[in-house]
Amino acid sequence: LYPRPKSLLPKMMNADMDVDAENQVELEEKTRLINQVLELQHTLED
């Protein structure tokens, strides 16, 4: 009897989902900051 290797797939999927969620949050934050910078640039131009 050999120990069955534990599947890393669920952990990897959870990690991927966590990374995807973190990336999504970072992407939304970057988008929000870019929009804010563009708005401030337009205000400065005005």
ModelCIF file with pLDDT and N, C-alpha, C, O atoms, coordinates in Angstrom:
data_MODEL
#
_entry.id   MODEL 
#
_entity.id                         1 
_entity.type                       polymer 
_entity.pdbx_number_of_molecules   1 
#
_entity_poly.entity_id                      1 
_entity_poly.type                           'polypeptide(L)' 
_entity_poly.nstd_linkage                   no 
_entity_poly.nstd_monomer                   no 
_entity_poly.pdbx_seq_one_letter_code       LYPRPKSLLPKMMNADMDVDAENQVELEEKTRLINQVLELQHTLED 
_entity_poly.pdbx_seq_one_letter_code_can   LYPRPKSLLPKMMNADMDVDAENQVELEEKTRLINQVLELQHTLED 
_entity_poly.pdbx_strand_id                 A 
#
loop_
_entity_poly_seq.entity_id 
_entity_poly_seq.num 
_entity_poly_seq.mon_id 
_entity_poly_seq.hetero 
1 1  LEU n 
1 2  TYR n 
1 3  PRO n 
1 4  ARG n 
1 5  PRO n 
1 6  LYS n 
1 7  SER n 
1 8  LEU n 
1 9  LEU n 
1 10 PRO n 
1 11 LYS n 
1 12 MET n 
1 13 MET n 
1 14 ASN n 
1 15 ALA n 
1 16 ASP n 
1 17 MET n 
1 18 ASP n 
1 19 VAL n 
1 20 ASP n 
1 21 ALA n 
1 22 GLU n 
1 23 ASN n 
1 24 GLN n 
1 25 VAL n 
1 26 GLU n 
1 27 LEU n 
1 28 GLU n 
1 29 GLU n 
1 30 LYS n 
1 31 THR n 
1 32 ARG n 
1 33 LEU n 
1 34 ILE n 
1 35 ASN n 
1 36 GLN n 
1 37 VAL n 
1 38 LEU n 
1 39 GLU n 
1 40 LEU n 
1 41 GLN n 
1 42 HIS n 
1 43 THR n 
1 44 LEU n 
1 45 GLU n 
1 46 ASP n 
#
_struct_asym.id          A 
_struct_asym.entity_id   1 
#
loop_
_ma_qa_metric.id 
_ma_qa_metric.mode 
_ma_qa_metric.name 
_ma_qa_metric.software_group_id 
_ma_qa_metric.type 
1 global pLDDT . pLDDT 
2 local  pLDDT . pLDDT 
#
_ma_qa_metric_global.metric_id      1 
_ma_qa_metric_global.metric_value   80.17 
_ma_qa_metric_global.model_id       1 
_ma_qa_metric_global.ordinal_id     1 
#
loop_
_ma_qa_metric_local.label_asym_id 
_ma_qa_metric_local.label_comp_id 
_ma_qa_metric_local.label_seq_id 
_ma_qa_metric_local.metric_id 
_ma_qa_metric_local.metric_value 
_ma_qa_metric_local.model_id 
_ma_qa_metric_local.ordinal_id 
A LEU 1  2 58.00 1 1  
A TYR 2  2 56.00 1 2  
A PRO 3  2 57.00 1 3  
A ARG 4  2 56.00 1 4  
A PRO 5  2 55.00 1 5  
A LYS 6  2 57.00 1 6  
A SER 7  2 56.00 1 7  
A LEU 8  2 53.00 1 8  
A LEU 9  2 55.00 1 9  
A PRO 10 2 59.00 1 10 
A LYS 11 2 58.00 1 11 
A MET 12 2 56.00 1 12 
A MET 13 2 59.00 1 13 
A ASN 14 2 64.00 1 14 
A ALA 15 2 61.00 1 15 
A ASP 16 2 65.00 1 16 
A MET 17 2 69.00 1 17 
A ASP 18 2 73.00 1 18 
A VAL 19 2 72.00 1 19 
A ASP 20 2 84.00 1 20 
A ALA 21 2 83.00 1 21 
A GLU 22 2 85.00 1 22 
A ASN 23 2 90.00 1 23 
A GLN 24 2 91.00 1 24 
A VAL 25 2 92.00 1 25 
A GLU 26 2 93.00 1 26 
A LEU 27 2 94.00 1 27 
A GLU 28 2 95.00 1 28 
A GLU 29 2 96.00 1 29 
A LYS 30 2 96.00 1 30 
A THR 31 2 96.00 1 31 
A ARG 32 2 96.00 1 32 
A LEU 33 2 97.00 1 33 
A ILE 34 2 97.00 1 34 
A ASN 35 2 97.00 1 35 
A GLN 36 2 97.00 1 36 
A VAL 37 2 97.00 1 37 
A LEU 38 2 97.00 1 38 
A GLU 39 2 97.00 1 39 
A LEU 40 2 97.00 1 40 
A GLN 41 2 97.00 1 41 
A HIS 42 2 97.00 1 42 
A THR 43 2 97.00 1 43 
A LEU 44 2 97.00 1 44 
A GLU 45 2 97.00 1 45 
A ASP 46 2 97.00 1 46 
#
loop_
_atom_site.group_PDB 
_atom_site.id 
_atom_site.type_symbol 
_atom_site.label_atom_id 
_atom_site.label_alt_id 
_atom_site.label_comp_id 
_atom_site.label_asym_id 
_atom_site.label_entity_id 
_atom_site.label_seq_id 
_atom_site.pdbx_PDB_ins_code 
_atom_site.Cartn_x 
_atom_site.Cartn_y 
_atom_site.Cartn_z 
_atom_site.occupancy 
_atom_site.B_iso_or_equiv 
_atom_site.pdbx_formal_charge 
_atom_site.auth_seq_id 
_atom_site.auth_comp_id 
_atom_site.auth_asym_id 
_atom_site.auth_atom_id 
_atom_site.pdbx_PDB_model_num 
ATOM 1   N N  . LEU A 1 1  ? 0.848   -1.192 0.000   1.00 58.00 ? 1  LEU A N  1 
ATOM 2   C CA . LEU A 1 1  ? 0.000   0.000  0.000   1.00 58.00 ? 1  LEU A CA 1 
ATOM 3   C C  . LEU A 1 1  ? 0.884   1.242  0.000   1.00 58.00 ? 1  LEU A C  1 
ATOM 4   O O  . LEU A 1 1  ? 1.731   1.415  0.876   1.00 58.00 ? 1  LEU A O  1 
ATOM 5   N N  . TYR A 1 2  ? 0.679   2.095  -0.982  1.00 56.00 ? 2  TYR A N  1 
ATOM 6   C CA . TYR A 1 2  ? 1.382   3.368  -1.073  1.00 56.00 ? 2  TYR A CA 1 
ATOM 7   C C  . TYR A 1 2  ? 0.375   4.482  -0.813  1.00 56.00 ? 2  TYR A C  1 
ATOM 8   O O  . TYR A 1 2  ? -0.778  4.389  -1.235  1.00 56.00 ? 2  TYR A O  1 
ATOM 9   N N  . PRO A 1 3  ? 0.795   5.507  -0.137  1.00 57.00 ? 3  PRO A N  1 
ATOM 10  C CA . PRO A 1 3  ? -0.147  6.616  0.075   1.00 57.00 ? 3  PRO A CA 1 
ATOM 11  C C  . PRO A 1 3  ? -0.532  7.226  -1.269  1.00 57.00 ? 3  PRO A C  1 
ATOM 12  O O  . PRO A 1 3  ? 0.310   7.427  -2.144  1.00 57.00 ? 3  PRO A O  1 
ATOM 13  N N  . ARG A 1 4  ? -1.803  7.511  -1.411  1.00 56.00 ? 4  ARG A N  1 
ATOM 14  C CA . ARG A 1 4  ? -2.304  8.145  -2.622  1.00 56.00 ? 4  ARG A CA 1 
ATOM 15  C C  . ARG A 1 4  ? -1.871  9.610  -2.577  1.00 56.00 ? 4  ARG A C  1 
ATOM 16  O O  . ARG A 1 4  ? -2.072  10.284 -1.567  1.00 56.00 ? 4  ARG A O  1 
ATOM 17  N N  . PRO A 1 5  ? -1.284  10.100 -3.652  1.00 55.00 ? 5  PRO A N  1 
ATOM 18  C CA . PRO A 1 5  ? -0.887  11.521 -3.638  1.00 55.00 ? 5  PRO A CA 1 
ATOM 19  C C  . PRO A 1 5  ? -2.128  12.389 -3.540  1.00 55.00 ? 5  PRO A C  1 
ATOM 20  O O  . PRO A 1 5  ? -3.111  12.188 -4.253  1.00 55.00 ? 5  PRO A O  1 
ATOM 21  N N  . LYS A 1 6  ? -2.060  13.336 -2.661  1.00 57.00 ? 6  LYS A N  1 
ATOM 22  C CA . LYS A 1 6  ? -3.193  14.244 -2.503  1.00 57.00 ? 6  LYS A CA 1 
ATOM 23  C C  . LYS A 1 6  ? -3.273  15.129 -3.726  1.00 57.00 ? 6  LYS A C  1 
ATOM 24  O O  . LYS A 1 6  ? -2.263  15.598 -4.251  1.00 57.00 ? 6  LYS A O  1 
ATOM 25  N N  . SER A 1 7  ? -4.457  15.336 -4.150  1.00 56.00 ? 7  SER A N  1 
ATOM 26  C CA . SER A 1 7  ? -4.660  16.145 -5.338  1.00 56.00 ? 7  SER A CA 1 
ATOM 27  C C  . SER A 1 7  ? -4.373  17.604 -5.016  1.00 56.00 ? 7  SER A C  1 
ATOM 28  O O  . SER A 1 7  ? -4.915  18.165 -4.064  1.00 56.00 ? 7  SER A O  1 
ATOM 29  N N  . LEU A 1 8  ? -3.533  18.191 -5.808  1.00 53.00 ? 8  LEU A N  1 
ATOM 30  C CA . LEU A 1 8  ? -3.228  19.610 -5.649  1.00 53.00 ? 8  LEU A CA 1 
ATOM 31  C C  . LEU A 1 8  ? -4.196  20.470 -6.452  1.00 53.00 ? 8  LEU A C  1 
ATOM 32  O O  . LEU A 1 8  ? -4.223  21.693 -6.319  1.00 53.00 ? 8  LEU A O  1 
ATOM 33  N N  . LEU A 1 9  ? -4.987  19.807 -7.287  1.00 55.00 ? 9  LEU A N  1 
ATOM 34  C CA . LEU A 1 9  ? -5.886  20.541 -8.158  1.00 55.00 ? 9  LEU A CA 1 
ATOM 35  C C  . LEU A 1 9  ? -6.859  21.439 -7.401  1.00 55.00 ? 9  LEU A C  1 
ATOM 36  O O  . LEU A 1 9  ? -6.992  22.607 -7.768  1.00 55.00 ? 9  LEU A O  1 
ATOM 37  N N  . PRO A 1 10 ? -7.554  20.955 -6.356  1.00 59.00 ? 10 PRO A N  1 
ATOM 38  C CA . PRO A 1 10 ? -8.452  21.875 -5.655  1.00 59.00 ? 10 PRO A CA 1 
ATOM 39  C C  . PRO A 1 10 ? -7.708  23.059 -5.026  1.00 59.00 ? 10 PRO A C  1 
ATOM 40  O O  . PRO A 1 10 ? -8.190  24.191 -5.065  1.00 59.00 ? 10 PRO A O  1 
ATOM 41  N N  . LYS A 1 11 ? -6.533  22.789 -4.447  1.00 58.00 ? 11 LYS A N  1 
ATOM 42  C CA . LYS A 1 11 ? -5.767  23.895 -3.857  1.00 58.00 ? 11 LYS A CA 1 
ATOM 43  C C  . LYS A 1 11 ? -5.307  24.859 -4.934  1.00 58.00 ? 11 LYS A C  1 
ATOM 44  O O  . LYS A 1 11 ? -5.354  26.076 -4.758  1.00 58.00 ? 11 LYS A O  1 
ATOM 45  N N  . MET A 1 12 ? -4.857  24.296 -6.065  1.00 56.00 ? 12 MET A N  1 
ATOM 46  C CA . MET A 1 12 ? -4.405  25.153 -7.152  1.00 56.00 ? 12 MET A CA 1 
ATOM 47  C C  . MET A 1 12 ? -5.563  25.956 -7.708  1.00 56.00 ? 12 MET A C  1 
ATOM 48  O O  . MET A 1 12 ? -5.416  27.133 -8.037  1.00 56.00 ? 12 MET A O  1 
ATOM 49  N N  . MET A 1 13 ? -6.723  25.309 -7.811  1.00 59.00 ? 13 MET A N  1 
ATOM 50  C CA . MET A 1 13 ? -7.887  26.037 -8.322  1.00 59.00 ? 13 MET A CA 1 
ATOM 51  C C  . MET A 1 13 ? -8.285  27.131 -7.354  1.00 59.00 ? 13 MET A C  1 
ATOM 52  O O  . MET A 1 13 ? -8.603  28.245 -7.771  1.00 59.00 ? 13 MET A O  1 
ATOM 53  N N  . ASN A 1 14 ? -8.271  26.825 -6.056  1.00 64.00 ? 14 ASN A N  1 
ATOM 54  C CA . ASN A 1 14 ? -8.578  27.851 -5.063  1.00 64.00 ? 14 ASN A CA 1 
ATOM 55  C C  . ASN A 1 14 ? -7.546  28.963 -5.114  1.00 64.00 ? 14 ASN A C  1 
ATOM 56  O O  . ASN A 1 14 ? -7.889  30.143 -5.047  1.00 64.00 ? 14 ASN A O  1 
ATOM 57  N N  . ALA A 1 15 ? -6.266  28.577 -5.235  1.00 61.00 ? 15 ALA A N  1 
ATOM 58  C CA . ALA A 1 15 ? -5.205  29.585 -5.324  1.00 61.00 ? 15 ALA A CA 1 
ATOM 59  C C  . ALA A 1 15 ? -5.381  30.420 -6.585  1.00 61.00 ? 15 ALA A C  1 
ATOM 60  O O  . ALA A 1 15 ? -5.227  31.641 -6.562  1.00 61.00 ? 15 ALA A O  1 
ATOM 61  N N  . ASP A 1 16 ? -5.710  29.739 -7.698  1.00 65.00 ? 16 ASP A N  1 
ATOM 62  C CA . ASP A 1 16 ? -5.941  30.475 -8.950  1.00 65.00 ? 16 ASP A CA 1 
ATOM 63  C C  . ASP A 1 16 ? -7.120  31.421 -8.808  1.00 65.00 ? 16 ASP A C  1 
ATOM 64  O O  . ASP A 1 16 ? -7.084  32.555 -9.286  1.00 65.00 ? 16 ASP A O  1 
ATOM 65  N N  . MET A 1 17 ? -8.177  30.938 -8.140  1.00 69.00 ? 17 MET A N  1 
ATOM 66  C CA . MET A 1 17 ? -9.343  31.801 -7.960  1.00 69.00 ? 17 MET A CA 1 
ATOM 67  C C  . MET A 1 17 ? -8.988  32.968 -7.051  1.00 69.00 ? 17 MET A C  1 
ATOM 68  O O  . MET A 1 17 ? -9.446  34.087 -7.278  1.00 69.00 ? 17 MET A O  1 
ATOM 69  N N  . ASP A 1 18 ? -8.174  32.721 -6.020  1.00 73.00 ? 18 ASP A N  1 
ATOM 70  C CA . ASP A 1 18 ? -7.734  33.808 -5.148  1.00 73.00 ? 18 ASP A CA 1 
ATOM 71  C C  . ASP A 1 18 ? -6.886  34.795 -5.935  1.00 73.00 ? 18 ASP A C  1 
ATOM 72  O O  . ASP A 1 18 ? -7.053  36.008 -5.811  1.00 73.00 ? 18 ASP A O  1 
ATOM 73  N N  . VAL A 1 19 ? -5.969  34.262 -6.750  1.00 72.00 ? 19 VAL A N  1 
ATOM 74  C CA . VAL A 1 19 ? -5.107  35.121 -7.567  1.00 72.00 ? 19 VAL A CA 1 
ATOM 75  C C  . VAL A 1 19 ? -5.963  35.896 -8.565  1.00 72.00 ? 19 VAL A C  1 
ATOM 76  O O  . VAL A 1 19 ? -5.765  37.094 -8.764  1.00 72.00 ? 19 VAL A O  1 
ATOM 77  N N  . ASP A 1 20 ? -6.928  35.194 -9.198  1.00 84.00 ? 20 ASP A N  1 
ATOM 78  C CA . ASP A 1 20 ? -7.815  35.879 -10.141 1.00 84.00 ? 20 ASP A CA 1 
ATOM 79  C C  . ASP A 1 20 ? -8.613  36.968 -9.441  1.00 84.00 ? 20 ASP A C  1 
ATOM 80  O O  . ASP A 1 20 ? -8.787  38.060 -9.980  1.00 84.00 ? 20 ASP A O  1 
ATOM 81  N N  . ALA A 1 21 ? -9.101  36.669 -8.230  1.00 83.00 ? 21 ALA A N  1 
ATOM 82  C CA . ALA A 1 21 ? -9.861  37.673 -7.479  1.00 83.00 ? 21 ALA A CA 1 
ATOM 83  C C  . ALA A 1 21 ? -8.957  38.848 -7.116  1.00 83.00 ? 21 ALA A C  1 
ATOM 84  O O  . ALA A 1 21 ? -9.366  40.005 -7.215  1.00 83.00 ? 21 ALA A O  1 
ATOM 85  N N  . GLU A 1 22 ? -7.719  38.547 -6.691  1.00 85.00 ? 22 GLU A N  1 
ATOM 86  C CA . GLU A 1 22 ? -6.770  39.621 -6.364  1.00 85.00 ? 22 GLU A CA 1 
ATOM 87  C C  . GLU A 1 22 ? -6.434  40.431 -7.607  1.00 85.00 ? 22 GLU A C  1 
ATOM 88  O O  . GLU A 1 22 ? -6.384  41.660 -7.565  1.00 85.00 ? 22 GLU A O  1 
ATOM 89  N N  . ASN A 1 23 ? -6.204  39.726 -8.721  1.00 90.00 ? 23 ASN A N  1 
ATOM 90  C CA . ASN A 1 23 ? -5.912  40.426 -9.972  1.00 90.00 ? 23 ASN A CA 1 
ATOM 91  C C  . ASN A 1 23 ? -7.089  41.292 -10.394 1.00 90.00 ? 23 ASN A C  1 
ATOM 92  O O  . ASN A 1 23 ? -6.909  42.407 -10.883 1.00 90.00 ? 23 ASN A O  1 
ATOM 93  N N  . GLN A 1 24 ? -8.301  40.767 -10.200 1.00 91.00 ? 24 GLN A N  1 
ATOM 94  C CA . GLN A 1 24 ? -9.500  41.531 -10.553 1.00 91.00 ? 24 GLN A CA 1 
ATOM 95  C C  . GLN A 1 24 ? -9.581  42.792 -9.703  1.00 91.00 ? 24 GLN A C  1 
ATOM 96  O O  . GLN A 1 24 ? -9.872  43.876 -10.209 1.00 91.00 ? 24 GLN A O  1 
ATOM 97  N N  . VAL A 1 25 ? -9.322  42.641 -8.405  1.00 92.00 ? 25 VAL A N  1 
ATOM 98  C CA . VAL A 1 25 ? -9.362  43.800 -7.502  1.00 92.00 ? 25 VAL A CA 1 
ATOM 99  C C  . VAL A 1 25 ? -8.288  44.808 -7.897  1.00 92.00 ? 25 VAL A C  1 
ATOM 100 O O  . VAL A 1 25 ? -8.540  46.012 -7.939  1.00 92.00 ? 25 VAL A O  1 
ATOM 101 N N  . GLU A 1 26 ? -7.083  44.302 -8.186  1.00 93.00 ? 26 GLU A N  1 
ATOM 102 C CA . GLU A 1 26 ? -5.999  45.198 -8.607  1.00 93.00 ? 26 GLU A CA 1 
ATOM 103 C C  . GLU A 1 26 ? -6.345  45.892 -9.917  1.00 93.00 ? 26 GLU A C  1 
ATOM 104 O O  . GLU A 1 26 ? -6.096  47.087 -10.081 1.00 93.00 ? 26 GLU A O  1 
ATOM 105 N N  . LEU A 1 27 ? -6.918  45.141 -10.845 1.00 94.00 ? 27 LEU A N  1 
ATOM 106 C CA . LEU A 1 27 ? -7.296  45.716 -12.136 1.00 94.00 ? 27 LEU A CA 1 
ATOM 107 C C  . LEU A 1 27 ? -8.357  46.793 -11.957 1.00 94.00 ? 27 LEU A C  1 
ATOM 108 O O  . LEU A 1 27 ? -8.278  47.854 -12.577 1.00 94.00 ? 27 LEU A O  1 
ATOM 109 N N  . GLU A 1 28 ? -9.354  46.525 -11.108 1.00 95.00 ? 28 GLU A N  1 
ATOM 110 C CA . GLU A 1 28 ? -10.386 47.530 -10.844 1.00 95.00 ? 28 GLU A CA 1 
ATOM 111 C C  . GLU A 1 28 ? -9.798  48.760 -10.183 1.00 95.00 ? 28 GLU A C  1 
ATOM 112 O O  . GLU A 1 28 ? -10.185 49.884 -10.503 1.00 95.00 ? 28 GLU A O  1 
ATOM 113 N N  . GLU A 1 29 ? -8.861  48.557 -9.256  1.00 96.00 ? 29 GLU A N  1 
ATOM 114 C CA . GLU A 1 29 ? -8.212  49.695 -8.577  1.00 96.00 ? 29 GLU A CA 1 
ATOM 115 C C  . GLU A 1 29 ? -7.392  50.510 -9.572  1.00 96.00 ? 29 GLU A C  1 
ATOM 116 O O  . GLU A 1 29 ? -7.433  51.740 -9.555  1.00 96.00 ? 29 GLU A O  1 
ATOM 117 N N  . LYS A 1 30 ? -6.641  49.819 -10.445 1.00 96.00 ? 30 LYS A N  1 
ATOM 118 C CA . LYS A 1 30 ? -5.852  50.519 -11.463 1.00 96.00 ? 30 LYS A CA 1 
ATOM 119 C C  . LYS A 1 30 ? -6.765  51.302 -12.400 1.00 96.00 ? 30 LYS A C  1 
ATOM 120 O O  . LYS A 1 30 ? -6.474  52.448 -12.740 1.00 96.00 ? 30 LYS A O  1 
ATOM 121 N N  . THR A 1 31 ? -7.866  50.685 -12.814 1.00 96.00 ? 31 THR A N  1 
ATOM 122 C CA . THR A 1 31 ? -8.812  51.356 -13.708 1.00 96.00 ? 31 THR A CA 1 
ATOM 123 C C  . THR A 1 31 ? -9.393  52.588 -13.041 1.00 96.00 ? 31 THR A C  1 
ATOM 124 O O  . THR A 1 31 ? -9.516  53.642 -13.666 1.00 96.00 ? 31 THR A O  1 
ATOM 125 N N  . ARG A 1 32 ? -9.752  52.456 -11.756 1.00 96.00 ? 32 ARG A N  1 
ATOM 126 C CA . ARG A 1 32 ? -10.310 53.588 -11.015 1.00 96.00 ? 32 ARG A CA 1 
ATOM 127 C C  . ARG A 1 32 ? -9.278  54.717 -10.915 1.00 96.00 ? 32 ARG A C  1 
ATOM 128 O O  . ARG A 1 32 ? -9.612  55.888 -11.094 1.00 96.00 ? 32 ARG A O  1 
ATOM 129 N N  . LEU A 1 33 ? -8.020  54.354 -10.627 1.00 97.00 ? 33 LEU A N  1 
ATOM 130 C CA . LEU A 1 33 ? -6.978  55.370 -10.515 1.00 97.00 ? 33 LEU A CA 1 
ATOM 131 C C  . LEU A 1 33 ? -6.687  56.039 -11.858 1.00 97.00 ? 33 LEU A C  1 
ATOM 132 O O  . LEU A 1 33 ? -6.476  57.250 -11.921 1.00 97.00 ? 33 LEU A O  1 
ATOM 133 N N  . ILE A 1 34 ? -6.677  55.254 -12.917 1.00 97.00 ? 34 ILE A N  1 
ATOM 134 C CA . ILE A 1 34 ? -6.444  55.823 -14.252 1.00 97.00 ? 34 ILE A CA 1 
ATOM 135 C C  . ILE A 1 34 ? -7.560  56.800 -14.608 1.00 97.00 ? 34 ILE A C  1 
ATOM 136 O O  . ILE A 1 34 ? -7.298  57.888 -15.120 1.00 97.00 ? 34 ILE A O  1 
ATOM 137 N N  . ASN A 1 35 ? -8.800  56.409 -14.336 1.00 97.00 ? 35 ASN A N  1 
ATOM 138 C CA . ASN A 1 35 ? -9.929  57.306 -14.611 1.00 97.00 ? 35 ASN A CA 1 
ATOM 139 C C  . ASN A 1 35 ? -9.833  58.578 -13.777 1.00 97.00 ? 35 ASN A C  1 
ATOM 140 O O  . ASN A 1 35 ? -10.142 59.668 -14.256 1.00 97.00 ? 35 ASN A O  1 
ATOM 141 N N  . GLN A 1 36 ? -9.406  58.432 -12.532 1.00 97.00 ? 36 GLN A N  1 
ATOM 142 C CA . GLN A 1 36 ? -9.269  59.602 -11.665 1.00 97.00 ? 36 GLN A CA 1 
ATOM 143 C C  . GLN A 1 36 ? -8.165  60.522 -12.193 1.00 97.00 ? 36 GLN A C  1 
ATOM 144 O O  . GLN A 1 36 ? -8.329  61.742 -12.202 1.00 97.00 ? 36 GLN A O  1 
ATOM 145 N N  . VAL A 1 37 ? -7.042  59.945 -12.634 1.00 97.00 ? 37 VAL A N  1 
ATOM 146 C CA . VAL A 1 37 ? -5.949  60.748 -13.194 1.00 97.00 ? 37 VAL A CA 1 
ATOM 147 C C  . VAL A 1 37 ? -6.413  61.470 -14.454 1.00 97.00 ? 37 VAL A C  1 
ATOM 148 O O  . VAL A 1 37 ? -6.120  62.651 -14.640 1.00 97.00 ? 37 VAL A O  1 
ATOM 149 N N  . LEU A 1 38 ? -7.140  60.759 -15.321 1.00 97.00 ? 38 LEU A N  1 
ATOM 150 C CA . LEU A 1 38 ? -7.633  61.393 -16.547 1.00 97.00 ? 38 LEU A CA 1 
ATOM 151 C C  . LEU A 1 38 ? -8.594  62.532 -16.237 1.00 97.00 ? 38 LEU A C  1 
ATOM 152 O O  . LEU A 1 38 ? -8.554  63.581 -16.880 1.00 97.00 ? 38 LEU A O  1 
ATOM 153 N N  . GLU A 1 39 ? -9.457  62.321 -15.251 1.00 97.00 ? 39 GLU A N  1 
ATOM 154 C CA . GLU A 1 39 ? -10.392 63.376 -14.855 1.00 97.00 ? 39 GLU A CA 1 
ATOM 155 C C  . GLU A 1 39 ? -9.640  64.595 -14.321 1.00 97.00 ? 39 GLU A C  1 
ATOM 156 O O  . GLU A 1 39 ? -9.985  65.735 -14.632 1.00 97.00 ? 39 GLU A O  1 
ATOM 157 N N  . LEU A 1 40 ? -8.611  64.339 -13.516 1.00 97.00 ? 40 LEU A N  1 
ATOM 158 C CA . LEU A 1 40 ? -7.814  65.448 -12.979 1.00 97.00 ? 40 LEU A CA 1 
ATOM 159 C C  . LEU A 1 40 ? -7.050  66.169 -14.094 1.00 97.00 ? 40 LEU A C  1 
ATOM 160 O O  . LEU A 1 40 ? -6.898  67.390 -14.052 1.00 97.00 ? 40 LEU A O  1 
ATOM 161 N N  . GLN A 1 41 ? -6.571  65.419 -15.088 1.00 97.00 ? 41 GLN A N  1 
ATOM 162 C CA . GLN A 1 41 ? -5.887  66.047 -16.225 1.00 97.00 ? 41 GLN A CA 1 
ATOM 163 C C  . GLN A 1 41 ? -6.839  66.963 -16.988 1.00 97.00 ? 41 GLN A C  1 
ATOM 164 O O  . GLN A 1 41 ? -6.473  68.074 -17.372 1.00 97.00 ? 41 GLN A O  1 
ATOM 165 N N  . HIS A 1 42 ? -8.066  66.484 -17.205 1.00 97.00 ? 42 HIS A N  1 
ATOM 166 C CA . HIS A 1 42 ? -9.052  67.314 -17.916 1.00 97.00 ? 42 HIS A CA 1 
ATOM 167 C C  . HIS A 1 42 ? -9.392  68.559 -17.091 1.00 97.00 ? 42 HIS A C  1 
ATOM 168 O O  . HIS A 1 42 ? -9.542  69.650 -17.642 1.00 97.00 ? 42 HIS A O  1 
ATOM 169 N N  . THR A 1 43 ? -9.512  68.396 -15.790 1.00 97.00 ? 43 THR A N  1 
ATOM 170 C CA . THR A 1 43 ? -9.788  69.541 -14.925 1.00 97.00 ? 43 THR A CA 1 
ATOM 171 C C  . THR A 1 43 ? -8.639  70.545 -14.998 1.00 97.00 ? 43 THR A C  1 
ATOM 172 O O  . THR A 1 43 ? -8.872  71.752 -15.068 1.00 97.00 ? 43 THR A O  1 
ATOM 173 N N  . LEU A 1 44 ? -7.405  70.053 -14.981 1.00 97.00 ? 44 LEU A N  1 
ATOM 174 C CA . LEU A 1 44 ? -6.237  70.929 -15.079 1.00 97.00 ? 44 LEU A CA 1 
ATOM 175 C C  . LEU A 1 44 ? -6.219  71.656 -16.419 1.00 97.00 ? 44 LEU A C  1 
ATOM 176 O O  . LEU A 1 44 ? -5.914  72.847 -16.476 1.00 97.00 ? 44 LEU A O  1 
ATOM 177 N N  . GLU A 1 45 ? -6.543  70.950 -17.491 1.00 97.00 ? 45 GLU A N  1 
ATOM 178 C CA . GLU A 1 45 ? -6.595  71.586 -18.810 1.00 97.00 ? 45 GLU A CA 1 
ATOM 179 C C  . GLU A 1 45 ? -7.654  72.690 -18.833 1.00 97.00 ? 45 GLU A C  1 
ATOM 180 O O  . GLU A 1 45 ? -7.419  73.775 -19.364 1.00 97.00 ? 45 GLU A O  1 
ATOM 181 N N  . ASP A 1 46 ? -8.818  72.404 -18.254 1.00 97.00 ? 46 ASP A N  1 
ATOM 182 C CA . ASP A 1 46 ? -9.897  73.396 -18.209 1.00 97.00 ? 46 ASP A CA 1 
ATOM 183 C C  . ASP A 1 46 ? -9.474  74.624 -17.397 1.00 97.00 ? 46 ASP A C  1 
ATOM 184 O O  . ASP A 1 46 ? -10.254 75.565 -17.250 1.00 97.00 ? 46 ASP A O  1 
#
